[in-house]
Amino acid sequence: MKQIIKLKGITKSFQNTKILDNVDLQINEGEIFTLLGQSGMGKSTLIKILTSQMKPDSGDGIILGQDITQLNRDIYQHLGIITDNSGLYTNFNAYYNLLMFARIFKVDESKIKKLLDIVGLENEGKKKVKKFSKGMKQRLALARAFLHEPKILFLDEPTNGLDIASIDTIHRLIDDYKKNGNTVFLITHSVEEALKLSDHITVLNKGKLVKVNRTREAIEASLKNTGGLK
């Protein structure tokens, strides 16, 4: 399979505390890679380094053939990023949120209605986002991330705090995205979510990546070593 992400010896410290310690990572095209670990352990930092929002203290990395410290503007046409705070414009309606993004990436406006249908917001396009539930906002954020058809989707706790129906919808959307040959880098605190979606599961423990078997017992045992489960 084609390798789409590769990190070697990535290290990052904050205030003399080593958050990432000599991290090596390889992710292939068409995989869902899931990273588990306690809050504040550096999971989001790793995404920021991979997407050139932050530079490592040392180490090397490649994403889609480019050095992670020197990503050009064109690379972002192939990346989608969703966090718990996805930067939606809450005073505008759902359609206009997607329209602004479509114009940035020069995407045909005709795709917007189709995407709203796909994420279950087909009747909500004219509603202001500030009136949306958290689950609706996350589905709109996914629609925005899908709009420019990225090759890699970075998801930082995409279902945190959502109801079961919204979680099921988002899981279906992620799975469909992967089936189309795309790659997902998923951060979650949910063992169930990791087991349901992932091709590979890794735990971040004291700055190092630890691969675990795809069993609840193995994952929970590894998380206990990080303080992630009580």
Protein backbone atom coordinates (compact mmCIF):
# COMPACT_ATOMS: atom_id res chain seq x y z
CA MET A 1 0.00 0.00 0.00
CA LYS A 2 1.05 3.59 -0.61
CA GLN A 3 2.55 5.29 2.45
CA ILE A 4 0.89 8.67 2.92
CA ILE A 5 2.32 9.83 6.28
CA LYS A 6 5.74 9.09 7.74
CA LEU A 7 7.31 10.51 10.91
CA LYS A 8 10.77 9.75 12.24
CA GLY A 9 12.10 10.83 15.63
CA ILE A 10 9.56 13.62 16.22
CA THR A 11 10.13 15.36 19.56
CA LYS A 12 8.28 18.30 21.09
CA SER A 13 8.59 19.89 24.54
CA PHE A 14 6.69 22.65 26.35
CA GLN A 15 8.22 24.34 29.41
CA ASN A 16 10.83 21.60 29.78
CA THR A 17 8.16 18.86 29.63
CA LYS A 18 8.60 16.44 26.74
CA ILE A 19 5.17 15.94 25.14
CA LEU A 20 6.32 13.90 22.16
CA ASP A 21 9.41 11.75 22.59
CA ASN A 22 11.14 10.37 19.48
CA VAL A 23 7.85 9.49 17.74
CA ASP A 24 7.93 7.24 14.67
CA LEU A 25 4.77 6.73 12.63
CA GLN A 26 3.72 5.32 9.25
CA ILE A 27 0.18 5.50 7.85
CA ASN A 28 -0.90 4.05 4.52
CA GLU A 29 -3.45 5.38 2.06
CA GLY A 30 -7.01 4.22 2.71
CA GLU A 31 -6.52 3.45 6.42
CA ILE A 32 -8.16 4.73 9.58
CA PHE A 33 -5.42 5.28 12.14
CA THR A 34 -6.65 5.94 15.68
CA LEU A 35 -4.71 7.56 18.51
CA LEU A 36 -5.88 7.09 22.09
CA GLY A 37 -4.51 8.61 25.27
CA GLN A 38 -5.16 10.79 28.27
CA SER A 39 -6.09 14.46 27.75
CA GLY A 40 -3.08 16.75 27.66
CA MET A 41 -0.69 14.01 26.56
CA GLY A 42 0.12 15.48 23.15
CA LYS A 43 -2.40 13.94 20.76
CA SER A 44 -3.60 17.27 19.36
CA THR A 45 0.00 18.50 19.25
CA LEU A 46 0.81 15.64 16.89
CA ILE A 47 -1.95 16.73 14.49
CA LYS A 48 -0.67 20.32 14.60
CA ILE A 49 2.83 19.13 13.73
CA LEU A 50 1.55 16.92 10.90
CA THR A 51 -0.41 19.84 9.40
CA SER A 52 2.41 22.39 9.86
CA GLN A 53 0.52 24.44 12.45
CA MET A 54 3.42 23.75 14.81
CA LYS A 55 7.03 22.76 14.25
CA PRO A 56 8.72 19.88 16.10
CA ASP A 57 11.84 20.49 18.14
CA SER A 58 13.54 17.68 16.22
CA GLY A 59 12.76 14.86 13.83
CA ASP A 60 11.52 14.56 10.27
CA GLY A 61 8.14 14.04 8.68
CA ILE A 62 6.53 13.59 5.28
CA ILE A 63 2.85 13.98 4.39
CA LEU A 64 1.70 13.41 0.81
CA GLY A 65 5.32 13.59 -0.28
CA GLN A 66 6.05 16.96 1.35
CA ASP A 67 8.19 17.89 4.34
CA ILE A 68 5.82 18.69 7.24
CA THR A 69 7.85 21.78 8.15
CA GLN A 70 7.60 23.24 4.65
CA LEU A 71 4.07 22.52 3.44
CA ASN A 72 3.02 24.73 0.55
CA ARG A 73 -0.49 26.14 0.12
CA ASP A 74 -1.45 23.49 -2.42
CA ILE A 75 -1.14 20.67 0.13
CA TYR A 76 -4.12 22.02 2.10
CA GLN A 77 -6.34 21.22 -0.87
CA HIS A 78 -5.80 17.60 0.16
CA LEU A 79 -6.21 17.95 3.94
CA GLY A 80 -9.37 18.22 6.05
CA ILE A 81 -9.24 19.05 9.75
CA ILE A 82 -12.03 18.85 12.34
CA THR A 83 -11.60 19.70 16.01
CA ASP A 84 -14.04 20.20 18.87
CA ASN A 85 -13.88 23.89 17.96
CA SER A 86 -14.16 23.78 14.19
CA GLY A 87 -14.51 27.51 13.59
CA LEU A 88 -17.98 27.58 12.10
CA TYR A 89 -19.52 31.00 11.51
CA THR A 90 -22.46 30.75 13.89
CA ASN A 91 -24.14 34.00 12.84
CA PHE A 92 -24.50 32.71 9.28
CA ASN A 93 -26.62 29.86 7.98
CA ALA A 94 -25.32 26.40 7.16
CA TYR A 95 -25.39 26.95 3.40
CA TYR A 96 -23.35 30.15 3.62
CA ASN A 97 -20.77 28.45 5.85
CA LEU A 98 -20.17 25.91 3.10
CA LEU A 99 -20.34 28.54 0.36
CA MET A 100 -17.49 30.54 1.90
CA PHE A 101 -15.37 27.42 2.08
CA ALA A 102 -16.28 26.43 -1.48
CA ARG A 103 -15.08 29.80 -2.75
CA ILE A 104 -11.76 29.47 -0.91
CA PHE A 105 -11.08 26.08 -2.49
CA LYS A 106 -12.75 26.92 -5.83
CA VAL A 107 -15.31 24.14 -5.45
CA ASP A 108 -18.49 24.13 -7.54
CA GLU A 109 -21.37 25.53 -5.51
CA SER A 110 -23.62 22.73 -6.72
CA LYS A 111 -21.88 20.33 -4.32
CA ILE A 112 -23.20 22.14 -1.26
CA LYS A 113 -26.78 20.87 -1.37
CA LYS A 114 -25.58 17.33 -2.02
CA LEU A 115 -23.29 17.43 1.01
CA LEU A 116 -26.00 18.85 3.25
CA ASP A 117 -28.16 15.90 2.17
CA ILE A 118 -25.36 13.42 2.90
CA VAL A 119 -24.84 14.69 6.46
CA GLY A 120 -28.58 14.84 7.19
CA LEU A 121 -28.95 18.62 7.13
CA GLU A 122 -30.92 18.84 3.90
CA ASN A 123 -33.67 20.92 5.56
CA GLU A 124 -31.36 23.09 7.65
CA GLY A 125 -29.41 25.00 5.01
CA LYS A 126 -31.12 28.33 5.74
CA LYS A 127 -30.93 28.01 9.53
CA LYS A 128 -28.30 30.01 11.43
CA VAL A 129 -25.63 27.75 12.87
CA LYS A 130 -25.98 29.28 16.34
CA LYS A 131 -29.36 27.51 16.54
CA PHE A 132 -27.80 24.11 15.78
CA SER A 133 -27.25 21.40 18.37
CA LYS A 134 -23.68 20.25 18.95
CA GLY A 135 -24.30 17.17 16.84
CA MET A 136 -25.62 19.26 13.94
CA LYS A 137 -22.56 21.53 14.16
CA GLN A 138 -20.25 18.53 13.97
CA ARG A 139 -22.10 17.17 10.94
CA LEU A 140 -21.82 20.57 9.26
CA ALA A 141 -18.10 20.63 10.08
CA LEU A 142 -17.77 17.22 8.40
CA ALA A 143 -19.61 18.50 5.34
CA ARG A 144 -17.19 21.43 5.19
CA ALA A 145 -14.21 19.09 5.53
CA PHE A 146 -15.54 16.82 2.74
CA LEU A 147 -16.33 19.73 0.40
CA HIS A 148 -12.91 19.92 -1.28
CA GLU A 149 -12.50 16.11 -1.33
CA PRO A 150 -9.34 15.87 0.82
CA LYS A 151 -7.15 12.79 0.72
CA ILE A 152 -6.50 12.89 4.48
CA LEU A 153 -9.00 13.78 7.20
CA PHE A 154 -7.75 14.70 10.68
CA LEU A 155 -10.45 14.24 13.33
CA ASP A 156 -9.82 15.41 16.90
CA GLU A 157 -12.57 13.98 19.17
CA PRO A 158 -15.29 14.38 16.49
CA THR A 159 -18.04 12.71 18.57
CA ASN A 160 -17.18 14.01 22.03
CA GLY A 161 -20.36 14.91 23.94
CA LEU A 162 -22.75 13.87 21.17
CA ASP A 163 -25.91 11.77 21.44
CA ILE A 164 -25.98 8.20 20.11
CA ALA A 165 -27.87 9.12 16.92
CA SER A 166 -25.34 11.81 16.00
CA ILE A 167 -22.43 9.49 16.80
CA ASP A 168 -23.87 6.79 14.53
CA THR A 169 -24.31 9.28 11.69
CA ILE A 170 -20.74 10.57 12.00
CA HIS A 171 -19.36 7.03 12.17
CA ARG A 172 -21.19 6.18 8.94
CA LEU A 173 -19.80 9.28 7.23
CA ILE A 174 -16.25 8.47 8.33
CA ASP A 175 -16.57 4.87 7.17
CA ASP A 176 -17.95 5.94 3.77
CA TYR A 177 -15.09 8.43 3.39
CA LYS A 178 -12.55 5.67 4.07
CA LYS A 179 -14.26 3.26 1.64
CA ASN A 180 -13.63 5.82 -1.10
CA GLY A 181 -9.88 5.25 -0.63
CA ASN A 182 -9.17 8.17 1.69
CA THR A 183 -7.15 8.23 4.92
CA VAL A 184 -8.32 9.18 8.42
CA PHE A 185 -6.22 10.19 11.40
CA LEU A 186 -8.61 9.91 14.35
CA ILE A 187 -8.12 11.06 17.93
CA THR A 188 -10.68 9.73 20.38
CA HIS A 189 -11.10 8.91 24.06
CA SER A 190 -13.64 6.20 23.22
CA VAL A 191 -12.42 2.59 23.14
CA GLU A 192 -15.70 1.58 21.46
CA GLU A 193 -15.19 4.14 18.70
CA ALA A 194 -11.61 3.00 18.14
CA LEU A 195 -12.60 -0.65 17.88
CA LYS A 196 -15.50 0.11 15.54
CA LEU A 197 -13.68 2.31 13.03
CA SER A 198 -9.97 1.65 13.09
CA ASP A 199 -7.51 -0.33 11.01
CA HIS A 200 -4.73 0.49 13.48
CA ILE A 201 -4.92 1.63 17.11
CA THR A 202 -2.07 3.29 19.00
CA VAL A 203 -1.87 4.72 22.52
CA LEU A 204 0.21 7.80 23.34
CA ASN A 205 1.99 6.98 26.59
CA LYS A 206 4.48 9.44 28.12
CA GLY A 207 5.27 10.92 24.74
CA LYS A 208 5.75 7.61 22.94
CA LEU A 209 3.42 5.73 20.59
CA VAL A 210 2.52 2.22 21.73
CA LYS A 211 0.79 -0.09 19.25
CA VAL A 212 -1.92 -2.25 20.81
CA ASN A 213 -3.89 -5.29 19.74
CA ARG A 214 -7.45 -4.69 18.57
CA THR A 215 -9.05 -5.99 21.77
CA ARG A 216 -10.74 -4.07 24.54
CA GLU A 217 -8.53 -5.74 27.16
CA ALA A 218 -5.28 -4.77 25.44
CA ILE A 219 -6.40 -1.18 24.85
CA GLU A 220 -7.68 -0.65 28.39
CA ALA A 221 -4.53 -2.15 29.88
CA SER A 222 -2.38 0.23 27.83
CA LEU A 223 -4.54 3.24 28.72
CA LYS A 224 -4.31 2.46 32.44
CA ASN A 225 -0.55 2.92 32.17
CA THR A 226 -1.14 6.50 30.96
CA GLY A 227 -3.69 7.31 33.65
CA GLY A 228 -6.38 7.43 30.98
CA LEU A 229 -8.70 4.97 32.69
CA LYS A 230 -9.56 4.69 36.37
